[in-house]
């Protein structure tokens, strides 16, 4: 998988959470992913389609981190994942993809973005509708972990 594609998504994720939620993410080591099981409790999934690119991105948060981001962004901390939290995760997925889209557009990779889908619950699955390798990158923070998955057509 081309780092030229991946790095803009990583940079956008780190920037969005730093700017919007004063949350610093420490990147872990990326690896290939072969299953569809999410590593956290709530995931935002967004598809991307263009002339040169077809892919999808998901961002998954552990419940503790999702609730803390909600608290830091909006000043309210629910007891568990609810509709407001899932809406926020969808918006974060949108902002990450939008940030990467701007950077990749400057390199000649233009694509449209689908409306994000949010899935939550213990042991939920994430299905990337793309026929290519999946990469997962873990991130840690003071409030919990996040997992960025990116998949592009071969």
C-alpha atoms as a PDB file:
ATOM      1  CA  UNK A   1       0.000   0.000   0.000  1.00  0.00           C
ATOM      2  CA  UNK A   2       1.339   3.401  -0.999  1.00  0.00           C
ATOM      3  CA  UNK A   3       2.415   5.653   1.899  1.00  0.00           C
ATOM      4  CA  UNK A   4       1.617   8.619  -0.353  1.00  0.00           C
ATOM      5  CA  UNK A   5      -2.045   7.640   0.194  1.00  0.00           C
ATOM      6  CA  UNK A   6      -1.832   6.658   3.848  1.00  0.00           C
ATOM      7  CA  UNK A   7       0.085   9.576   5.353  1.00  0.00           C
ATOM      8  CA  UNK A   8      -2.549  12.236   4.545  1.00  0.00           C
ATOM      9  CA  UNK A   9      -5.166  10.195   6.468  1.00  0.00           C
ATOM     10  CA  UNK A  10      -2.870   9.749   9.472  1.00  0.00           C
ATOM     11  CA  UNK A  11      -2.020  13.461   9.477  1.00  0.00           C
ATOM     12  CA  UNK A  12      -5.703  14.406   9.175  1.00  0.00           C
ATOM     13  CA  UNK A  13      -6.714  12.125  12.078  1.00  0.00           C
ATOM     14  CA  UNK A  14      -4.003  13.503  14.374  1.00  0.00           C
ATOM     15  CA  UNK A  15      -4.854  17.080  13.351  1.00  0.00           C
ATOM     16  CA  UNK A  16      -8.636  16.694  13.784  1.00  0.00           C
ATOM     17  CA  UNK A  17      -8.371  15.241  17.293  1.00  0.00           C
ATOM     18  CA  UNK A  18      -5.681  17.721  18.362  1.00  0.00           C
ATOM     19  CA  UNK A  19      -7.636  20.708  17.044  1.00  0.00           C
ATOM     20  CA  UNK A  20     -11.217  19.694  17.847  1.00  0.00           C
ATOM     21  CA  UNK A  21     -10.737  17.698  21.067  1.00  0.00           C
ATOM     22  CA  UNK A  22      -7.319  18.698  22.439  1.00  0.00           C
ATOM     23  CA  UNK A  23      -6.426  14.994  22.291  1.00  0.00           C
ATOM     24  CA  UNK A  24      -2.952  13.866  21.331  1.00  0.00           C
ATOM     25  CA  UNK A  25      -2.735  10.521  19.553  1.00  0.00           C
ATOM     26  CA  UNK A  26       0.497   8.529  19.559  1.00  0.00           C
ATOM     27  CA  UNK A  27       0.783   6.377  16.427  1.00  0.00           C
ATOM     28  CA  UNK A  28       1.620   2.701  16.773  1.00  0.00           C
ATOM     29  CA  UNK A  29       2.934   0.321  14.147  1.00  0.00           C
ATOM     30  CA  UNK A  30       0.783  -0.226  11.025  1.00  0.00           C
ATOM     31  CA  UNK A  31       0.068  -3.774   9.911  1.00  0.00           C
ATOM     32  CA  UNK A  32      -2.031  -5.670   7.407  1.00  0.00           C
ATOM     33  CA  UNK A  33      -5.473  -6.694   8.564  1.00  0.00           C
ATOM     34  CA  UNK A  34      -7.170  -9.838   7.305  1.00  0.00           C
ATOM     35  CA  UNK A  35     -10.453  -9.968   9.249  1.00  0.00           C
ATOM     36  CA  UNK A  36     -13.445  -7.654   9.611  1.00  0.00           C
ATOM     37  CA  UNK A  37     -13.537  -7.488  13.420  1.00  0.00           C
ATOM     38  CA  UNK A  38     -13.269  -3.963  14.823  1.00  0.00           C
ATOM     39  CA  UNK A  39     -10.710  -3.371  17.566  1.00  0.00           C
ATOM     40  CA  UNK A  40     -12.840  -0.812  19.409  1.00  0.00           C
ATOM     41  CA  UNK A  41     -16.442  -0.016  20.290  1.00  0.00           C
ATOM     42  CA  UNK A  42     -17.625   2.566  17.740  1.00  0.00           C
ATOM     43  CA  UNK A  43     -16.502   2.963  14.110  1.00  0.00           C
ATOM     44  CA  UNK A  44     -17.062   5.520  11.388  1.00  0.00           C
ATOM     45  CA  UNK A  45     -16.667   4.114   7.865  1.00  0.00           C
ATOM     46  CA  UNK A  46     -16.501   6.221   4.718  1.00  0.00           C
ATOM     47  CA  UNK A  47     -16.044   5.268   1.055  1.00  0.00           C
ATOM     48  CA  UNK A  48     -14.012   7.163  -1.533  1.00  0.00           C
ATOM     49  CA  UNK A  49     -14.346   6.919  -5.311  1.00  0.00           C
ATOM     50  CA  UNK A  50     -12.503   8.753  -8.065  1.00  0.00           C
ATOM     51  CA  UNK A  51     -10.933   8.182 -11.485  1.00  0.00           C
ATOM     52  CA  UNK A  52      -7.621   6.995 -10.014  1.00  0.00           C
ATOM     53  CA  UNK A  53      -8.766   5.854  -6.601  1.00  0.00           C
ATOM     54  CA  UNK A  54     -11.355   3.620  -4.954  1.00  0.00           C
ATOM     55  CA  UNK A  55     -11.093   2.925  -1.268  1.00  0.00           C
ATOM     56  CA  UNK A  56     -12.500   3.220   2.192  1.00  0.00           C
ATOM     57  CA  UNK A  57     -11.436   4.435   5.573  1.00  0.00           C
ATOM     58  CA  UNK A  58     -12.646   3.616   9.045  1.00  0.00           C
ATOM     59  CA  UNK A  59     -11.800   5.136  12.382  1.00  0.00           C
ATOM     60  CA  UNK A  60     -12.636   3.057  15.441  1.00  0.00           C
ATOM     61  CA  UNK A  61     -12.550   4.322  19.017  1.00  0.00           C
ATOM     62  CA  UNK A  62     -12.612   2.468  22.291  1.00  0.00           C
ATOM     63  CA  UNK A  63     -15.643   3.615  24.296  1.00  0.00           C
ATOM     64  CA  UNK A  64     -13.509   5.469  26.875  1.00  0.00           C
ATOM     65  CA  UNK A  65     -11.827   7.552  24.160  1.00  0.00           C
ATOM     66  CA  UNK A  66     -15.061   8.261  22.258  1.00  0.00           C
ATOM     67  CA  UNK A  67     -16.736   9.504  25.441  1.00  0.00           C
ATOM     68  CA  UNK A  68     -13.746  11.654  26.368  1.00  0.00           C
ATOM     69  CA  UNK A  69     -13.597  13.186  22.868  1.00  0.00           C
ATOM     70  CA  UNK A  70     -17.304  14.018  23.236  1.00  0.00           C
ATOM     71  CA  UNK A  71     -16.541  15.649  26.581  1.00  0.00           C
ATOM     72  CA  UNK A  72     -13.616  17.650  25.217  1.00  0.00           C
ATOM     73  CA  UNK A  73     -15.449  18.755  22.056  1.00  0.00           C
ATOM     74  CA  UNK A  74     -18.905  19.497  23.461  1.00  0.00           C
ATOM     75  CA  UNK A  75     -18.510  19.645  27.232  1.00  0.00           C
ATOM     76  CA  UNK A  76     -20.839  16.712  27.838  1.00  0.00           C
ATOM     77  CA  UNK A  77     -19.824  13.169  28.722  1.00  0.00           C
ATOM     78  CA  UNK A  78     -22.524  10.530  28.332  1.00  0.00           C
ATOM     79  CA  UNK A  79     -22.378   7.308  30.360  1.00  0.00           C
ATOM     80  CA  UNK A  80     -22.190   5.176  27.233  1.00  0.00           C
ATOM     81  CA  UNK A  81     -22.170   5.360  23.442  1.00  0.00           C
ATOM     82  CA  UNK A  82     -25.417   7.008  22.321  1.00  0.00           C
ATOM     83  CA  UNK A  83     -26.781   8.714  19.194  1.00  0.00           C
ATOM     84  CA  UNK A  84     -24.807  11.912  19.836  1.00  0.00           C
ATOM     85  CA  UNK A  85     -21.554   9.957  20.157  1.00  0.00           C
ATOM     86  CA  UNK A  86     -22.199   7.998  16.949  1.00  0.00           C
ATOM     87  CA  UNK A  87     -23.018  11.272  15.135  1.00  0.00           C
ATOM     88  CA  UNK A  88     -19.732  12.726  16.390  1.00  0.00           C
ATOM     89  CA  UNK A  89     -17.771   9.665  15.189  1.00  0.00           C
ATOM     90  CA  UNK A  90     -19.371  10.014  11.744  1.00  0.00           C
ATOM     91  CA  UNK A  91     -18.360  13.681  11.658  1.00  0.00           C
ATOM     92  CA  UNK A  92     -14.803  12.838  12.697  1.00  0.00           C
ATOM     93  CA  UNK A  93     -14.605  10.257   9.878  1.00  0.00           C
ATOM     94  CA  UNK A  94     -15.868  12.955   7.496  1.00  0.00           C
ATOM     95  CA  UNK A  95     -13.273  15.494   8.714  1.00  0.00           C
ATOM     96  CA  UNK A  96     -10.405  12.982   8.425  1.00  0.00           C
ATOM     97  CA  UNK A  97     -11.397  11.997   4.906  1.00  0.00           C
ATOM     98  CA  UNK A  98     -11.954  15.641   3.906  1.00  0.00           C
ATOM     99  CA  UNK A  99      -8.530  16.656   5.202  1.00  0.00           C
ATOM    100  CA  UNK A 100      -6.838  13.815   3.316  1.00  0.00           C
ATOM    101  CA  UNK A 101      -8.927  14.581   0.199  1.00  0.00           C
ATOM    102  CA  UNK A 102      -7.557  18.138   0.112  1.00  0.00           C
ATOM    103  CA  UNK A 103      -3.956  16.966   0.352  1.00  0.00           C
ATOM    104  CA  UNK A 104      -4.354  14.112  -2.137  1.00  0.00           C
ATOM    105  CA  UNK A 105      -6.227  16.402  -4.560  1.00  0.00           C
ATOM    106  CA  UNK A 106      -3.114  18.573  -4.760  1.00  0.00           C
ATOM    107  CA  UNK A 107      -1.177  15.468  -5.857  1.00  0.00           C
ATOM    108  CA  UNK A 108      -3.654  14.680  -8.650  1.00  0.00           C
ATOM    109  CA  UNK A 109      -5.769  12.110  -6.796  1.00  0.00           C
ATOM    110  CA  UNK A 110      -9.266  13.514  -6.799  1.00  0.00           C
ATOM    111  CA  UNK A 111     -12.150  11.535  -5.314  1.00  0.00           C
ATOM    112  CA  UNK A 112     -15.662  11.907  -3.989  1.00  0.00           C
ATOM    113  CA  UNK A 113     -16.654  10.897  -0.476  1.00  0.00           C
ATOM    114  CA  UNK A 114     -19.695   8.883   0.536  1.00  0.00           C
ATOM    115  CA  UNK A 115     -21.795   9.658   3.596  1.00  0.00           C
ATOM    116  CA  UNK A 116     -20.185   8.035   6.630  1.00  0.00           C
ATOM    117  CA  UNK A 117     -21.733   4.929   8.173  1.00  0.00           C
ATOM    118  CA  UNK A 118     -21.328   4.425  11.930  1.00  0.00           C
ATOM    119  CA  UNK A 119     -21.366   1.013  13.602  1.00  0.00           C
ATOM    120  CA  UNK A 120     -21.085   0.444  17.340  1.00  0.00           C
ATOM    121  CA  UNK A 121     -21.096  -2.345  19.871  1.00  0.00           C
ATOM    122  CA  UNK A 122     -18.628  -4.855  21.281  1.00  0.00           C
ATOM    123  CA  UNK A 123     -17.078  -7.085  18.594  1.00  0.00           C
ATOM    124  CA  UNK A 124     -18.791  -5.303  15.675  1.00  0.00           C
ATOM    125  CA  UNK A 125     -17.449  -5.801  12.186  1.00  0.00           C
ATOM    126  CA  UNK A 126     -16.233  -3.347   9.564  1.00  0.00           C
ATOM    127  CA  UNK A 127     -16.738  -4.337   5.931  1.00  0.00           C
ATOM    128  CA  UNK A 128     -14.658  -2.378   3.440  1.00  0.00           C
ATOM    129  CA  UNK A 129     -16.418  -2.652   0.047  1.00  0.00           C
ATOM    130  CA  UNK A 130     -13.061  -2.591  -1.700  1.00  0.00           C
ATOM    131  CA  UNK A 131     -11.039  -5.447  -3.199  1.00  0.00           C
ATOM    132  CA  UNK A 132      -7.595  -4.653  -1.883  1.00  0.00           C
ATOM    133  CA  UNK A 133      -5.321  -5.039   1.131  1.00  0.00           C
ATOM    134  CA  UNK A 134      -6.456  -3.539   4.444  1.00  0.00           C
ATOM    135  CA  UNK A 135      -4.050  -1.671   6.669  1.00  0.00           C
ATOM    136  CA  UNK A 136      -4.742  -0.978  10.346  1.00  0.00           C
ATOM    137  CA  UNK A 137      -2.827   1.524  12.425  1.00  0.00           C
ATOM    138  CA  UNK A 138      -3.303   1.737  16.189  1.00  0.00           C
ATOM    139  CA  UNK A 139      -3.110   5.011  18.098  1.00  0.00           C
ATOM    140  CA  UNK A 140      -2.936   5.482  21.855  1.00  0.00           C
ATOM    141  CA  UNK A 141      -3.983   8.459  23.970  1.00  0.00           C
ATOM    142  CA  UNK A 142      -4.477   9.344  27.614  1.00  0.00           C
ATOM    143  CA  UNK A 143      -8.159   8.355  27.311  1.00  0.00           C
ATOM    144  CA  UNK A 144      -7.960   5.142  25.278  1.00  0.00           C
ATOM    145  CA  UNK A 145      -7.073   3.767  21.873  1.00  0.00           C
ATOM    146  CA  UNK A 146      -8.163   4.441  18.304  1.00  0.00           C
ATOM    147  CA  UNK A 147      -7.651   2.363  15.170  1.00  0.00           C
ATOM    148  CA  UNK A 148      -7.422   3.738  11.644  1.00  0.00           C
ATOM    149  CA  UNK A 149      -8.146   1.285   8.830  1.00  0.00           C
ATOM    150  CA  UNK A 150      -7.501   2.130   5.196  1.00  0.00           C
ATOM    151  CA  UNK A 151      -8.234  -0.037   2.195  1.00  0.00           C
ATOM    152  CA  UNK A 152      -7.679   0.750  -1.499  1.00  0.00           C
ATOM    153  CA  UNK A 153      -8.417  -1.277  -4.607  1.00  0.00           C
ATOM    154  CA  UNK A 154      -5.452  -3.174  -5.968  1.00  0.00           C
END
